[in-house]
Amino acid sequence: TLIFYNSSWNRRYLDFLSKIGTGSIYDLAEVLRDLYCLRVKKRLAFPERYMLDAVLGLIVSEIALVRDQTEEAVRSEIEAIFRPGEVVPGRS
C-alpha cells in the first residue's frame, strides 16, 4: 500500500521500519517504492534519505547475488525504473 504523504516523517519512518523488520524482499521493495514516490512529492527527512539508501543497498545486493551481476549494474537498472521517461530493457 502507498503511504500517506501528509503523515509526519517520524510516523512514516516507524511504518517503514516495521516493514523492513519483516525481512521480506516484497516489503523492502514496497518501502523503496514508497520512498522514491515520496521523494518526488516532497523533500525527504534525513532519516528517510538514509533509509532509502539502506533499502536500495539491500535490494541491490540481493538481486545482484541472484542474477550474478555487479551491484552497479543492478543499481543503475533500479534507479532507471524510477526516472520519469526512462526505458528499461525487458519492461513494457
Protein backbone atom coordinates (compact mmCIF):
# COMPACT_ATOMS: atom_id res chain seq x y z
CA THR A 1 0.00 0.00 0.00
CA LEU A 2 1.15 3.50 -0.67
CA ILE A 3 1.99 5.67 2.28
CA PHE A 4 0.04 8.71 3.34
CA TYR A 5 2.03 11.67 2.08
CA ASN A 6 0.58 14.01 4.68
CA SER A 7 1.68 11.97 7.68
CA SER A 8 4.71 13.13 9.66
CA TRP A 9 8.12 11.82 8.69
CA ASN A 10 8.60 10.04 12.02
CA ARG A 11 5.28 8.18 11.63
CA ARG A 12 6.25 7.11 8.09
CA TYR A 13 9.70 6.14 9.35
CA LEU A 14 8.24 3.84 12.00
CA ASP A 15 5.89 2.26 9.45
CA PHE A 16 8.79 1.68 7.07
CA LEU A 17 10.95 0.30 9.87
CA SER A 18 8.32 -2.28 10.76
CA LYS A 19 8.16 -3.41 7.12
CA ILE A 20 11.94 -3.65 6.89
CA GLY A 21 11.93 -5.72 10.06
CA THR A 22 9.91 -8.46 8.38
CA GLY A 23 12.90 -9.33 6.19
CA SER A 24 10.63 -9.82 3.21
CA ILE A 25 12.05 -8.66 -0.12
CA TYR A 26 8.50 -7.67 -1.07
CA ASP A 27 8.20 -5.40 1.96
CA LEU A 28 11.62 -3.93 1.19
CA ALA A 29 10.52 -3.25 -2.38
CA GLU A 30 7.36 -1.57 -1.10
CA VAL A 31 9.39 0.71 1.18
CA LEU A 32 11.73 1.53 -1.70
CA ARG A 33 8.82 2.37 -3.98
CA ASP A 34 7.10 4.50 -1.37
CA LEU A 35 10.25 6.46 -0.56
CA TYR A 36 11.01 7.08 -4.23
CA CYS A 37 7.43 8.26 -4.81
CA LEU A 38 7.53 10.43 -1.70
CA ARG A 39 10.82 11.97 -2.84
CA VAL A 40 9.06 13.25 -5.96
CA LYS A 41 6.36 14.94 -3.86
CA LYS A 42 8.47 16.42 -1.07
CA ARG A 43 11.94 16.59 0.39
CA LEU A 44 12.73 13.52 2.47
CA ALA A 45 13.76 13.94 6.08
CA PHE A 46 17.35 12.86 6.79
CA PRO A 47 16.31 9.52 8.36
CA GLU A 48 14.15 8.79 5.31
CA ARG A 49 17.04 9.56 2.94
CA TYR A 50 19.28 7.27 4.97
CA MET A 51 16.60 4.57 4.92
CA LEU A 52 16.17 4.93 1.14
CA ASP A 53 19.90 4.37 0.64
CA ALA A 54 19.93 1.42 3.04
CA VAL A 55 16.91 -0.31 1.49
CA LEU A 56 18.24 0.28 -2.01
CA GLY A 57 21.54 -1.27 -0.94
CA LEU A 58 19.82 -4.35 0.49
CA ILE A 59 17.71 -4.90 -2.61
CA VAL A 60 20.63 -4.28 -4.95
CA SER A 61 22.84 -6.81 -3.15
CA GLU A 62 20.11 -9.47 -3.17
CA ILE A 63 19.31 -9.06 -6.86
CA ALA A 64 22.99 -8.89 -7.83
CA LEU A 65 23.65 -12.14 -6.00
CA VAL A 66 20.70 -13.95 -7.56
CA ARG A 67 21.39 -12.68 -11.08
CA ASP A 68 25.19 -12.98 -10.79
CA GLN A 69 25.54 -9.33 -11.85
CA THR A 70 27.51 -6.43 -10.46
CA GLU A 71 25.83 -4.27 -7.87
CA GLU A 72 26.49 -1.22 -10.05
CA ALA A 73 24.53 -2.73 -12.96
CA VAL A 74 21.61 -3.65 -10.73
CA ARG A 75 21.60 -0.25 -9.00
CA SER A 76 21.52 1.50 -12.39
CA GLU A 77 18.62 -0.65 -13.51
CA ILE A 78 16.61 0.02 -10.35
CA GLU A 79 17.30 3.76 -10.43
CA ALA A 80 16.22 3.84 -14.09
CA ILE A 81 12.86 2.37 -13.12
CA PHE A 82 12.16 5.43 -11.00
CA ARG A 83 13.37 8.02 -13.52
CA PRO A 84 10.49 9.54 -15.48
CA GLY A 85 10.57 8.66 -19.17
CA GLU A 86 13.34 6.09 -18.81
CA VAL A 87 13.02 2.93 -20.89
CA VAL A 88 14.24 -0.15 -19.07
CA PRO A 89 15.10 -3.20 -21.18
CA GLY A 90 12.67 -6.05 -20.55
CA ARG A 91 9.89 -3.81 -19.22
CA SER A 92 6.87 -2.68 -21.20
